[in-house]
Amino acid sequence: MDLRDRWVHFRMRSVYHPAPGELALELHGNDLLQGKVLGFSDGAVEPREYVIVKVEGIDDPLILPFASILGVL
């Protein structure tokens, strides 16, 4: 499935970048975020293992495991 330019849902605790502390993980770790997929990154084991997502209100794009996506709009 090509998710580029699609909106996706994921939990904040799934984010690898920026550091979880910067995103107030302890306060909002279970919050459901929504963002637009910008691209993909290969992992050590699987191609396209990670998704690069832009979330409104957060400056840096977020990187999270593809498997952590909870829904697609």
N, C-alpha and C. Protein backbone atom coordinates (compact mmCIF):
# COMPACT_ATOMS: atom_id res chain seq x y z
N MET A 1 0.85 -1.17 0.00
CA MET A 1 0.00 0.00 0.00
C MET A 1 0.90 1.23 0.00
N ASP A 2 0.65 2.15 -0.90
CA ASP A 2 1.43 3.38 -0.96
C ASP A 2 0.76 4.42 -0.07
N LEU A 3 1.43 4.78 1.02
CA LEU A 3 0.86 5.73 1.98
C LEU A 3 1.34 7.16 1.78
N ARG A 4 2.23 7.39 0.82
CA ARG A 4 2.75 8.74 0.62
C ARG A 4 1.59 9.72 0.43
N ASP A 5 1.64 10.84 1.15
CA ASP A 5 0.62 11.89 1.13
C ASP A 5 -0.71 11.45 1.74
N ARG A 6 -0.73 10.36 2.50
CA ARG A 6 -1.94 9.91 3.20
C ARG A 6 -1.80 10.26 4.67
N TRP A 7 -2.89 10.51 5.34
CA TRP A 7 -2.90 10.78 6.77
C TRP A 7 -2.96 9.45 7.51
N VAL A 8 -2.19 9.34 8.60
CA VAL A 8 -2.13 8.12 9.39
C VAL A 8 -2.25 8.44 10.88
N HIS A 9 -2.66 7.49 11.68
CA HIS A 9 -2.76 7.63 13.14
C HIS A 9 -1.69 6.74 13.78
N PHE A 10 -1.13 7.21 14.89
CA PHE A 10 -0.12 6.44 15.62
C PHE A 10 0.00 7.00 17.02
N ARG A 11 0.55 6.20 17.91
CA ARG A 11 0.76 6.65 19.29
C ARG A 11 2.10 7.36 19.41
N MET A 12 2.11 8.38 20.23
CA MET A 12 3.33 9.16 20.42
C MET A 12 4.48 8.29 20.89
N ARG A 13 4.21 7.27 21.69
CA ARG A 13 5.28 6.43 22.22
C ARG A 13 6.00 5.65 21.13
N SER A 14 5.45 5.58 19.93
CA SER A 14 6.07 4.86 18.82
C SER A 14 7.14 5.68 18.11
N VAL A 15 7.22 6.96 18.38
CA VAL A 15 8.14 7.86 17.67
C VAL A 15 9.58 7.62 18.10
N TYR A 16 10.48 7.50 17.10
CA TYR A 16 11.90 7.37 17.37
C TYR A 16 12.61 8.72 17.32
N HIS A 17 12.15 9.62 16.51
CA HIS A 17 12.78 10.93 16.36
C HIS A 17 11.70 11.98 16.25
N PRO A 18 11.79 13.11 16.91
CA PRO A 18 12.80 13.47 17.88
C PRO A 18 12.69 12.61 19.14
N ALA A 19 13.67 12.77 20.01
CA ALA A 19 13.73 11.95 21.23
C ALA A 19 12.39 12.02 21.97
N PRO A 20 11.94 10.90 22.50
CA PRO A 20 10.65 10.87 23.19
C PRO A 20 10.52 11.93 24.28
N GLY A 21 11.60 12.23 24.97
CA GLY A 21 11.55 13.25 26.01
C GLY A 21 11.13 14.60 25.47
N GLU A 22 11.53 14.89 24.26
CA GLU A 22 11.18 16.17 23.64
C GLU A 22 9.69 16.24 23.34
N LEU A 23 9.04 15.14 23.24
CA LEU A 23 7.61 15.10 22.94
C LEU A 23 6.75 14.88 24.16
N ALA A 24 7.37 15.01 25.32
CA ALA A 24 6.65 14.85 26.59
C ALA A 24 5.96 13.48 26.66
N LEU A 25 6.76 12.45 26.40
CA LEU A 25 6.25 11.09 26.37
C LEU A 25 5.50 10.71 27.65
N GLU A 26 6.04 11.10 28.77
CA GLU A 26 5.40 10.70 30.02
C GLU A 26 4.01 11.30 30.18
N LEU A 27 3.81 12.50 29.64
CA LEU A 27 2.51 13.16 29.78
C LEU A 27 1.53 12.75 28.69
N HIS A 28 2.06 12.44 27.51
CA HIS A 28 1.18 12.24 26.36
C HIS A 28 1.48 10.96 25.59
N GLY A 29 2.09 9.98 26.20
CA GLY A 29 2.51 8.76 25.52
C GLY A 29 1.39 7.98 24.86
N ASN A 30 0.18 8.10 25.38
CA ASN A 30 -0.96 7.38 24.79
C ASN A 30 -1.82 8.25 23.88
N ASP A 31 -1.44 9.52 23.73
CA ASP A 31 -2.20 10.39 22.83
C ASP A 31 -2.16 9.85 21.41
N LEU A 32 -3.24 9.99 20.72
CA LEU A 32 -3.32 9.58 19.33
C LEU A 32 -2.99 10.78 18.46
N LEU A 33 -1.97 10.65 17.62
CA LEU A 33 -1.55 11.72 16.73
C LEU A 33 -1.98 11.41 15.31
N GLN A 34 -2.06 12.44 14.51
CA GLN A 34 -2.39 12.28 13.10
C GLN A 34 -1.39 13.09 12.30
N GLY A 35 -0.87 12.51 11.25
CA GLY A 35 0.09 13.22 10.42
C GLY A 35 0.08 12.69 9.01
N LYS A 36 0.79 13.40 8.14
CA LYS A 36 0.85 13.05 6.73
C LYS A 36 2.16 12.34 6.43
N VAL A 37 2.10 11.21 5.75
CA VAL A 37 3.30 10.44 5.41
C VAL A 37 4.10 11.19 4.35
N LEU A 38 5.39 11.44 4.67
CA LEU A 38 6.30 12.09 3.73
C LEU A 38 7.13 11.09 2.96
N GLY A 39 7.41 9.95 3.58
CA GLY A 39 8.25 8.96 2.93
C GLY A 39 8.50 7.78 3.85
N PHE A 40 9.50 6.98 3.45
CA PHE A 40 9.82 5.75 4.17
C PHE A 40 11.32 5.63 4.35
N SER A 41 11.72 4.81 5.31
CA SER A 41 13.13 4.53 5.55
C SER A 41 13.29 3.03 5.78
N ASP A 42 14.34 2.48 5.21
CA ASP A 42 14.62 1.06 5.39
C ASP A 42 15.17 0.81 6.78
N GLY A 43 14.80 -0.33 7.35
CA GLY A 43 15.35 -0.75 8.63
C GLY A 43 16.48 -1.73 8.39
N ALA A 44 17.04 -2.23 9.46
CA ALA A 44 18.14 -3.20 9.37
C ALA A 44 17.65 -4.53 8.81
N VAL A 45 16.38 -4.82 9.01
CA VAL A 45 15.83 -6.11 8.61
C VAL A 45 14.90 -5.98 7.39
N GLU A 46 14.04 -5.00 7.41
CA GLU A 46 13.00 -4.87 6.39
C GLU A 46 13.14 -3.57 5.60
N PRO A 47 12.85 -3.60 4.31
CA PRO A 47 12.74 -2.35 3.55
C PRO A 47 11.46 -1.63 3.97
N ARG A 48 11.48 -0.32 3.93
CA ARG A 48 10.32 0.51 4.29
C ARG A 48 9.79 0.17 5.68
N GLU A 49 10.71 -0.16 6.60
CA GLU A 49 10.32 -0.55 7.96
C GLU A 49 9.83 0.65 8.78
N TYR A 50 10.28 1.85 8.41
CA TYR A 50 9.93 3.05 9.15
C TYR A 50 9.20 4.04 8.23
N VAL A 51 8.32 4.83 8.84
CA VAL A 51 7.55 5.84 8.11
C VAL A 51 7.97 7.21 8.62
N ILE A 52 8.10 8.16 7.71
CA ILE A 52 8.42 9.55 8.05
C ILE A 52 7.12 10.33 7.92
N VAL A 53 6.69 10.96 9.04
CA VAL A 53 5.38 11.60 9.10
C VAL A 53 5.53 13.04 9.57
N LYS A 54 4.79 13.95 8.94
CA LYS A 54 4.73 15.35 9.36
C LYS A 54 3.43 15.57 10.12
N VAL A 55 3.55 16.07 11.35
CA VAL A 55 2.39 16.36 12.20
C VAL A 55 2.30 17.87 12.40
N GLU A 56 1.12 18.42 12.17
CA GLU A 56 0.93 19.86 12.38
C GLU A 56 1.28 20.23 13.81
N GLY A 57 2.01 21.32 13.98
CA GLY A 57 2.38 21.80 15.30
C GLY A 57 3.69 21.25 15.82
N ILE A 58 4.29 20.29 15.12
CA ILE A 58 5.59 19.75 15.51
C ILE A 58 6.55 20.04 14.37
N ASP A 59 7.64 20.74 14.68
CA ASP A 59 8.57 21.22 13.65
C ASP A 59 9.23 20.09 12.86
N ASP A 60 9.83 19.14 13.55
CA ASP A 60 10.57 18.08 12.88
C ASP A 60 9.63 16.95 12.44
N PRO A 61 9.91 16.36 11.28
CA PRO A 61 9.15 15.17 10.90
C PRO A 61 9.41 14.05 11.92
N LEU A 62 8.44 13.20 12.13
CA LEU A 62 8.56 12.10 13.07
C LEU A 62 8.86 10.81 12.31
N ILE A 63 9.65 9.96 12.92
CA ILE A 63 9.99 8.66 12.34
C ILE A 63 9.44 7.59 13.28
N LEU A 64 8.66 6.67 12.74
CA LEU A 64 8.07 5.63 13.57
C LEU A 64 8.00 4.33 12.78
N PRO A 65 7.91 3.20 13.47
CA PRO A 65 7.82 1.92 12.78
C PRO A 65 6.53 1.84 11.95
N PHE A 66 6.63 1.32 10.77
CA PHE A 66 5.47 1.14 9.90
C PHE A 66 4.38 0.35 10.62
N ALA A 67 4.78 -0.65 11.39
CA ALA A 67 3.82 -1.52 12.09
C ALA A 67 3.03 -0.79 13.17
N SER A 68 3.47 0.41 13.58
CA SER A 68 2.77 1.13 14.64
C SER A 68 1.62 1.98 14.12
N ILE A 69 1.42 2.05 12.82
CA ILE A 69 0.31 2.82 12.26
C ILE A 69 -1.00 2.12 12.63
N LEU A 70 -1.91 2.88 13.23
CA LEU A 70 -3.16 2.32 13.72
C LEU A 70 -4.32 2.49 12.73
N GLY A 71 -4.18 3.39 11.80
CA GLY A 71 -5.26 3.63 10.84
C GLY A 71 -4.79 4.54 9.74
N VAL A 72 -5.53 4.51 8.63
CA VAL A 72 -5.20 5.33 7.46
C VAL A 72 -6.47 6.03 7.02
N LEU A 73 -6.37 7.32 6.75
CA LEU A 73 -7.53 8.09 6.26
C LEU A 73 -7.44 8.26 4.76
